[in-house]
Every structure is written in structure tokens, then in C-alpha cells.
Amino acid sequence: MSDKLPMLTASRLRDARACQRRHKHKYIDGYRPLDDAAPLRFGTLFHAALASWWGHAPEFRLEFALAETLEAADPYEAAMARALIVGYDARWSDDRYAVLAVEREFRVPLVNPETGAKSRTWDLGGKLDAIARETSGRVLLVEHKTTSSEIAPGSDYWKMLRLDGQVSIYFEGARASGYDVAACLYDVIRKPGQRPLKATPEDKRQCKKDGTPYATTRLTDETPEQYEARLMEAIAEDPSRYYGRGEVVRLEGEMDEAMFDAWTIAQQLRAAEVANRFPRNPDACSVYGRACAYLGVCCGEQSLDDPLLFKRLENVHPELSQVTNLTAEREG
């Protein structure tokens, strides 16, 4: 295995499945939009708080997790993160695990599951959120996710995890890193739908005869502190709406299916690169009401070279270190 091979991560495979032209812009050309969408910013912020929570002793972890929210550029995003991490701590503080690793990077060969041959073109890589041991002795892979979707037991969110290639890749990475994981503890946090309240426009404000505003009229915007308190109250009223955990297992046949998926996509990407043809997928130009960051480029209205819109990365996997930790095989 060579650490000089291009690396396929779960995120890269997701972009490749969605649109090969987007994959080219992000991972071959290396351009990323300067204006990250709010959901991506919040996901990064809250993920850092969770990593700190899992990475510290129980008596200190909430304090360190809350400190991560100080990095937020948006005070309202910080308020939501604080409310959620306080609720998370209250929800799961009694669930004790021996934490074996946090933010563990891995790099393993991409293997053809039919022949067992290692790819000479690609490696698989990624970062494990955490590895933990139960009191029973079972070792679990831990994966955190934030979502706006319904996370009640039996919802489509949990059904789709049976096909999630990321979980399978992380099983592969955990085992190659020396951890015999029995299952993945899928740890889901639902973002509150409540938005900061804004002052009522002056032309729509209604006041009583004594000049005091009606309850439906706001004279000022809700402050971040008020917003945080409102979210904490909503979370405390129904914590199961915002926090869910479930175990995801992977049988041998399911692992083979996932590796076949990754192997096939890797072949498609290699063929596209050799031919220098990267098909566009108009179906991926807008998802959940949000336009792809590269839509203007594909339409010829924007340029990747515009420094006000895009930046070029030397490391196309910024979530990982430049030299990704290798597997136990190399470490040994």
C-alpha cells in the first residue's frame, strides 16, 4: 500500500455518485467554495464539540465541549450548538463507555472483493469519530451525525443506514486499525427547526391603547442568549425528538456489497480521468432546495479561478491530516 495513491473517502464517493463533474471540481481540480452553506458550517462546529465531549473525562467533557462553540462565527449557530450539547450531555451522561480512540484516521487498500486484489490506483481513507468499549467488553465504532430529518425509531432515516456505504467503509477502517468492532453505535442529533425570532416590521406592529405591544409583536430581534434558552426549553421537553442512538451491524455479504460499490465507482472515476470526460448530472444541481456550489461554473456564469467564490486546496481532504495515519499493519 502506498500513501501516495489518491484516496477515496466516504465523502468523495458520495460526490462521485451524485455528479462526476462535481467530483472533478472538488477532488481533481481541488476547488472549494468560500461560502460554506450554513448546514455544513454547523455540522463542522457541532462535530468538534462532540469530539471534545467524547475525548475528555466525564467530569470535564461538557466544559470542553462548550468551549468548542466559541469558534463559531455566527452567534446564533453557537447558541444552537450550546443548547444541543447541553441536552446531549443530559441525555447520555449515564451511558458510560471506555473511549479507546477519538478522531482516529485510517488508510487502507481498496480491495476487489471478488478477487482480493488491491487497487493500484486508489486507497480507502477516512476518520473514525470514536471507538468505545462497553462494560460487557464489546468494542463499538461510534459515528455522529447531525440531521434535520425525523429520527424516531422505524423512520426512513434508520432504514437508509442499511445501505450506507460510509458505515461499511468505517468498519473496514476500524478493523484494519486493530479494533475488532462488533457494531456501529450510530449517534444522531436532530437540529431544532426553531429559528431566531426577528423584530416585527414597523409597518406591521400592533400595540394596545397604552402603547404596549401585543404578544404577537416583537420590538427587537431575539438575542443569541434568548434563542439558546428557548431551544434548551424545547429540547428538555422532548429529548427523544433530538437525540437518537441505534446499533448498525454489517454482515459479511453486506460488507462485500459495499466494497463492490466502492470498487465499481473507483473504476468509473479512473475511466473518466483517462478519457478526460466527467459527465454532469442535472439531477444533482439542486438538492433539498439548495443549489450545488458549482452550478454557476457548470452553467458558464462563474469561474473556478474567481478568488471571491472559490479557493484551491493543496490537500483535497481537509478533514484529514496531510499524512493520514496508516493501519495497524504499517504501524506494526
Protein backbone atom coordinates (compact mmCIF):
# COMPACT_ATOMS: atom_id res chain seq x y z
CA MET A 1 0.00 0.00 0.00
CA SER A 2 1.33 3.41 -0.93
CA ASP A 3 0.46 6.60 0.88
CA LYS A 4 0.94 8.35 -2.48
CA LEU A 5 -2.14 6.78 -4.04
CA PRO A 6 -5.19 9.02 -4.39
CA MET A 7 -7.61 8.38 -1.56
CA LEU A 8 -11.29 7.60 -1.70
CA THR A 9 -13.24 8.72 1.36
CA ALA A 10 -16.94 8.27 2.06
CA SER A 11 -17.48 11.95 1.23
CA ARG A 12 -15.60 11.64 -2.04
CA LEU A 13 -17.57 8.56 -3.03
CA ARG A 14 -20.81 10.39 -2.20
CA ASP A 15 -19.89 13.27 -4.50
CA ALA A 16 -18.84 10.86 -7.24
CA ARG A 17 -22.18 9.07 -7.05
CA ALA A 18 -24.03 12.38 -7.22
CA CYS A 19 -22.12 14.01 -10.09
CA GLN A 20 -18.75 13.25 -11.64
CA ARG A 21 -18.32 16.87 -12.74
CA ARG A 22 -18.70 17.99 -9.11
CA HIS A 23 -16.19 15.32 -8.14
CA LYS A 24 -13.73 16.70 -10.68
CA HIS A 25 -14.07 20.28 -9.41
CA LYS A 26 -13.63 19.24 -5.76
CA TYR A 27 -11.11 16.41 -5.84
CA ILE A 28 -9.17 16.60 -9.08
CA ASP A 29 -9.05 20.38 -9.56
CA GLY A 30 -9.19 20.94 -5.80
CA TYR A 31 -11.56 23.94 -5.73
CA ARG A 32 -13.92 24.54 -2.80
CA PRO A 33 -16.49 27.31 -2.39
CA LEU A 34 -15.57 30.09 0.02
CA ASP A 35 -19.13 30.47 1.26
CA ASP A 36 -19.88 27.23 3.07
CA ALA A 37 -23.58 26.59 3.45
CA ALA A 38 -24.92 27.05 6.97
CA PRO A 39 -25.73 23.32 7.48
CA LEU A 40 -22.13 22.41 6.63
CA ARG A 41 -20.75 25.07 8.97
CA PHE A 42 -22.96 23.94 11.80
CA GLY A 43 -22.15 20.28 11.23
CA THR A 44 -18.43 21.03 11.45
CA LEU A 45 -18.90 23.12 14.59
CA PHE A 46 -21.03 20.57 16.41
CA HIS A 47 -18.82 17.69 15.34
CA ALA A 48 -15.87 19.40 17.03
CA ALA A 49 -17.93 19.79 20.22
CA LEU A 50 -18.84 16.10 20.15
CA ALA A 51 -15.23 15.07 19.60
CA SER A 52 -14.27 17.10 22.67
CA TRP A 53 -17.13 15.59 24.70
CA TRP A 54 -16.04 12.05 23.86
CA GLY A 55 -12.37 12.87 24.26
CA HIS A 56 -12.45 14.07 27.88
CA ALA A 57 -13.20 12.55 31.25
CA PRO A 58 -16.90 12.66 32.26
CA GLU A 59 -16.40 15.39 34.85
CA PHE A 60 -14.79 17.73 32.30
CA ARG A 61 -16.30 16.84 28.94
CA LEU A 62 -19.25 19.27 28.92
CA GLU A 63 -16.96 22.18 29.78
CA PHE A 64 -14.56 21.32 26.98
CA ALA A 65 -17.37 20.65 24.51
CA LEU A 66 -18.95 24.03 25.22
CA ALA A 67 -15.58 25.70 24.70
CA GLU A 68 -15.59 24.46 21.09
CA THR A 69 -18.65 26.62 20.36
CA LEU A 70 -16.56 29.74 20.94
CA GLU A 71 -15.06 29.12 17.48
CA ALA A 72 -18.39 29.80 15.77
CA ALA A 73 -18.55 32.89 13.56
CA ASP A 74 -22.35 33.08 13.87
CA PRO A 75 -23.55 33.68 17.47
CA TYR A 76 -26.90 32.02 16.72
CA GLU A 77 -25.21 28.88 15.41
CA ALA A 78 -23.12 28.89 18.58
CA ALA A 79 -26.30 29.21 20.64
CA MET A 80 -27.88 26.20 18.90
CA ALA A 81 -24.69 24.18 19.37
CA ARG A 82 -24.56 25.02 23.08
CA ALA A 83 -28.21 24.07 23.60
CA LEU A 84 -27.73 20.78 21.81
CA ILE A 85 -24.51 19.82 23.58
CA VAL A 86 -26.04 20.57 27.00
CA GLY A 87 -29.02 18.41 26.06
CA TYR A 88 -26.71 15.73 24.68
CA ASP A 89 -24.80 15.61 27.95
CA ALA A 90 -28.02 15.34 29.94
CA ARG A 91 -29.35 12.63 27.63
CA TRP A 92 -26.29 10.37 27.50
CA SER A 93 -24.14 11.18 30.54
CA ASP A 94 -25.25 7.99 32.29
CA ASP A 95 -24.19 5.82 29.33
CA ARG A 96 -20.60 5.01 30.18
CA TYR A 97 -18.14 3.70 27.65
CA ALA A 98 -14.40 3.26 27.83
CA VAL A 99 -13.27 5.50 24.97
CA LEU A 100 -10.41 3.86 23.07
CA ALA A 101 -9.91 6.45 20.33
CA VAL A 102 -11.36 9.73 19.10
CA GLU A 103 -10.98 11.16 15.59
CA ARG A 104 -8.86 8.18 14.51
CA GLU A 105 -7.70 8.49 10.90
CA PHE A 106 -7.16 5.43 8.77
CA ARG A 107 -5.90 4.50 5.35
CA VAL A 108 -6.40 1.02 3.92
CA PRO A 109 -6.09 -0.57 0.49
CA LEU A 110 -9.12 -0.59 -1.77
CA VAL A 111 -9.63 -4.29 -2.40
CA ASN A 112 -11.60 -6.02 -5.12
CA PRO A 113 -13.97 -8.19 -3.02
CA GLU A 114 -14.24 -10.74 -5.83
CA THR A 115 -10.52 -11.40 -6.35
CA GLY A 116 -8.93 -9.99 -3.21
CA ALA A 117 -6.59 -7.90 -5.36
CA LYS A 118 -5.52 -4.49 -4.06
CA SER A 119 -6.13 -1.50 -6.27
CA ARG A 120 -3.02 0.03 -7.81
CA THR A 121 -4.92 3.31 -8.25
CA TRP A 122 -6.80 4.03 -5.03
CA ASP A 123 -6.71 3.67 -1.26
CA LEU A 124 -9.69 3.98 1.08
CA GLY A 125 -9.41 6.50 3.90
CA GLY A 126 -11.34 8.40 6.48
CA LYS A 127 -11.67 9.41 10.10
CA LEU A 128 -13.49 7.42 12.78
CA ASP A 129 -15.44 9.63 15.17
CA ALA A 130 -14.73 7.34 18.10
CA ILE A 131 -14.04 3.78 19.19
CA ALA A 132 -15.53 2.74 22.52
CA ARG A 133 -15.82 -0.36 24.70
CA GLU A 134 -18.98 -1.30 26.55
CA THR A 135 -18.90 -2.63 30.10
CA SER A 136 -19.70 -6.03 28.54
CA GLY A 137 -16.41 -5.87 26.64
CA ARG A 138 -17.87 -5.33 23.17
CA VAL A 139 -16.00 -2.78 21.06
CA LEU A 140 -18.13 -0.35 19.08
CA LEU A 141 -17.46 2.01 16.23
CA VAL A 142 -19.15 5.36 17.04
CA GLU A 143 -20.46 7.60 14.28
CA HIS A 144 -22.01 11.03 14.95
CA LYS A 145 -24.46 12.69 12.59
CA THR A 146 -26.49 15.88 12.69
CA THR A 147 -29.66 15.99 10.62
CA SER A 148 -32.87 17.91 10.07
CA SER A 149 -34.78 14.70 9.34
CA GLU A 150 -37.15 12.75 11.57
CA ILE A 151 -35.12 10.29 13.68
CA ALA A 152 -37.83 8.36 15.51
CA PRO A 153 -37.32 4.57 15.63
CA GLY A 154 -38.59 2.99 12.42
CA SER A 155 -38.27 6.21 10.40
CA ASP A 156 -36.74 6.20 6.93
CA TYR A 157 -33.55 7.68 8.38
CA TRP A 158 -32.72 4.41 10.12
CA LYS A 159 -33.83 2.26 7.19
CA MET A 160 -31.43 4.01 4.82
CA LEU A 161 -28.48 3.17 7.07
CA ARG A 162 -28.71 -0.42 5.85
CA LEU A 163 -27.38 0.85 2.52
CA ASP A 164 -24.97 3.45 3.86
CA GLY A 165 -21.55 2.77 2.37
CA GLN A 166 -19.86 5.09 4.86
CA VAL A 167 -20.64 2.76 7.74
CA SER A 168 -19.18 -0.18 5.83
CA ILE A 169 -16.00 1.73 4.97
CA TYR A 170 -15.61 2.70 8.63
CA PHE A 171 -16.00 -0.92 9.69
CA GLU A 172 -13.18 -1.72 7.29
CA GLY A 173 -11.06 1.13 8.64
CA ALA A 174 -11.67 0.25 12.29
CA ARG A 175 -10.75 -3.40 11.83
CA ALA A 176 -7.67 -2.58 9.79
CA SER A 177 -6.66 -0.20 12.59
CA GLY A 178 -6.68 -3.05 15.07
CA TYR A 179 -10.18 -2.72 16.56
CA ASP A 180 -12.44 -5.76 16.32
CA VAL A 181 -15.69 -3.79 16.31
CA ALA A 182 -18.92 -5.69 16.85
CA ALA A 183 -21.28 -2.93 15.68
CA CYS A 184 -21.57 0.77 14.93
CA LEU A 185 -23.23 2.94 17.56
CA TYR A 186 -24.95 5.44 15.28
CA ASP A 187 -25.38 8.61 17.30
CA VAL A 188 -27.84 11.04 15.67
CA ILE A 189 -28.61 14.60 16.72
CA ARG A 190 -31.58 16.34 15.16
CA LYS A 191 -31.17 20.08 14.72
CA PRO A 192 -34.04 22.17 16.12
CA GLY A 193 -36.29 23.67 13.48
CA GLN A 194 -36.84 26.85 15.50
CA ARG A 195 -35.17 29.91 14.01
CA PRO A 196 -34.16 33.13 15.81
CA LEU A 197 -37.15 35.42 16.16
CA LYS A 198 -36.93 38.73 14.32
CA ALA A 199 -38.48 42.06 15.25
CA THR A 200 -41.86 42.70 13.69
CA PRO A 201 -41.53 45.17 10.78
CA GLU A 202 -42.58 48.64 11.89
CA ASP A 203 -45.49 48.83 9.46
CA LYS A 204 -46.96 45.59 10.89
CA ARG A 205 -46.53 46.28 14.60
CA GLN A 206 -49.72 46.36 16.68
CA CYS A 207 -49.90 47.97 20.10
CA LYS A 208 -52.51 48.32 22.76
CA LYS A 209 -54.06 51.67 23.69
CA ASP A 210 -51.49 52.16 26.42
CA GLY A 211 -48.71 51.76 23.86
CA THR A 212 -47.52 48.30 24.91
CA PRO A 213 -47.15 45.79 22.08
CA TYR A 214 -49.37 42.75 21.69
CA ALA A 215 -47.78 39.35 22.38
CA THR A 216 -47.51 38.69 18.63
CA THR A 217 -45.49 41.87 18.11
CA ARG A 218 -41.75 41.94 18.71
CA LEU A 219 -39.94 45.26 19.03
CA THR A 220 -36.45 43.74 18.93
CA ASP A 221 -34.69 40.72 17.49
CA GLU A 222 -34.27 37.73 19.76
CA THR A 223 -30.75 37.75 21.22
CA PRO A 224 -28.48 34.68 20.95
CA GLU A 225 -28.90 34.17 24.70
CA GLN A 226 -32.69 34.25 24.44
CA TYR A 227 -32.59 31.92 21.45
CA GLU A 228 -30.37 29.47 23.34
CA ALA A 229 -32.72 29.46 26.34
CA ARG A 230 -35.76 28.83 24.10
CA LEU A 231 -34.01 25.92 22.39
CA MET A 232 -32.93 24.39 25.69
CA GLU A 233 -36.51 24.52 26.92
CA ALA A 234 -37.80 22.80 23.77
CA ILE A 235 -35.10 20.12 23.96
CA ALA A 236 -35.77 19.45 27.65
CA GLU A 237 -39.49 18.97 26.92
CA ASP A 238 -38.89 16.19 24.38
CA PRO A 239 -35.25 14.96 24.28
CA SER A 240 -36.09 11.86 22.24
CA ARG A 241 -37.06 14.17 19.37
CA TYR A 242 -33.50 15.49 19.20
CA TYR A 243 -31.29 12.56 20.21
CA GLY A 244 -31.33 9.03 18.89
CA ARG A 245 -28.98 6.08 19.00
CA GLY A 246 -29.09 2.77 17.26
CA GLU A 247 -26.73 -0.07 16.50
CA VAL A 248 -25.84 -0.81 12.91
CA VAL A 249 -24.20 -4.11 12.05
CA ARG A 250 -22.62 -5.30 8.86
CA LEU A 251 -22.78 -8.95 7.83
CA GLU A 252 -20.13 -10.34 5.52
CA GLY A 253 -22.42 -10.17 2.50
CA GLU A 254 -23.32 -6.56 3.25
CA MET A 255 -19.64 -5.64 3.52
CA ASP A 256 -19.00 -7.29 0.15
CA GLU A 257 -21.84 -5.32 -1.44
CA ALA A 258 -20.45 -2.05 -0.08
CA MET A 259 -16.93 -2.84 -1.25
CA PHE A 260 -18.25 -3.77 -4.70
CA ASP A 261 -19.97 -0.37 -4.80
CA ALA A 262 -16.73 1.41 -3.89
CA TRP A 263 -14.68 -0.67 -6.33
CA THR A 264 -17.11 -0.01 -9.20
CA ILE A 265 -17.20 3.74 -8.55
CA ALA A 266 -13.40 3.77 -8.39
CA GLN A 267 -13.25 2.13 -11.83
CA GLN A 268 -15.70 4.69 -13.21
CA LEU A 269 -13.64 7.56 -11.83
CA ARG A 270 -10.45 6.15 -13.30
CA ALA A 271 -12.11 5.70 -16.71
CA ALA A 272 -13.42 9.29 -16.60
CA GLU A 273 -9.96 10.61 -15.74
CA VAL A 274 -8.29 8.65 -18.53
CA ALA A 275 -10.86 9.86 -21.04
CA ASN A 276 -10.88 13.36 -19.52
CA ARG A 277 -14.68 13.24 -19.60
CA PHE A 278 -16.67 13.95 -16.45
CA PRO A 279 -20.42 13.70 -17.04
CA ARG A 280 -22.71 16.27 -15.45
CA ASN A 281 -25.80 15.17 -13.56
CA PRO A 282 -28.52 17.85 -13.68
CA ASP A 283 -30.48 15.86 -11.08
CA ALA A 284 -27.83 16.84 -8.53
CA CYS A 285 -27.84 20.58 -9.28
CA SER A 286 -30.34 21.25 -6.52
CA VAL A 287 -30.98 19.01 -3.53
CA TYR A 288 -33.37 19.85 -0.67
CA GLY A 289 -33.79 23.33 -2.10
CA ARG A 290 -30.07 24.12 -2.06
CA ALA A 291 -28.15 24.65 -5.29
CA CYS A 292 -24.86 22.88 -5.87
CA ALA A 293 -21.95 25.23 -5.18
CA TYR A 294 -20.61 24.57 -8.68
CA LEU A 295 -23.87 25.20 -10.56
CA GLY A 296 -22.69 28.61 -11.80
CA VAL A 297 -19.44 27.08 -13.05
CA CYS A 298 -21.22 24.34 -14.98
CA CYS A 299 -23.59 26.94 -16.48
CA GLY A 300 -20.64 29.06 -17.63
CA GLU A 301 -21.62 32.01 -15.40
CA GLN A 302 -18.79 31.63 -12.87
CA SER A 303 -15.16 30.59 -12.87
CA LEU A 304 -13.29 28.32 -10.50
CA ASP A 305 -10.46 30.85 -10.72
CA ASP A 306 -12.60 33.59 -9.15
CA PRO A 307 -10.92 34.18 -5.74
CA LEU A 308 -14.13 35.70 -4.39
CA LEU A 309 -16.00 32.44 -4.91
CA PHE A 310 -13.54 29.57 -4.67
CA LYS A 311 -10.24 28.60 -3.10
CA ARG A 312 -7.86 25.91 -4.31
CA LEU A 313 -6.72 23.36 -1.75
CA GLU A 314 -3.42 21.52 -1.75
CA ASN A 315 -4.98 18.82 0.42
CA VAL A 316 -8.29 17.79 -1.16
CA HIS A 317 -9.23 16.00 2.06
CA PRO A 318 -9.03 18.92 4.54
CA GLU A 319 -10.84 16.88 7.18
CA LEU A 320 -7.77 14.62 7.30
CA SER A 321 -4.14 15.34 8.05
CA GLN A 322 -1.72 15.65 5.14
CA VAL A 323 -0.15 12.35 6.15
CA THR A 324 -3.08 10.17 7.17
CA ASN A 325 -2.37 7.66 9.92
CA LEU A 326 -1.88 4.28 8.35
CA THR A 327 -3.26 0.97 9.51
CA ALA A 328 -2.05 -1.30 12.24
CA GLU A 329 -0.30 -3.32 9.56
CA ARG A 330 2.05 -0.44 8.78
CA GLU A 331 2.29 0.73 12.38
CA GLY A 332 3.40 -2.74 13.37
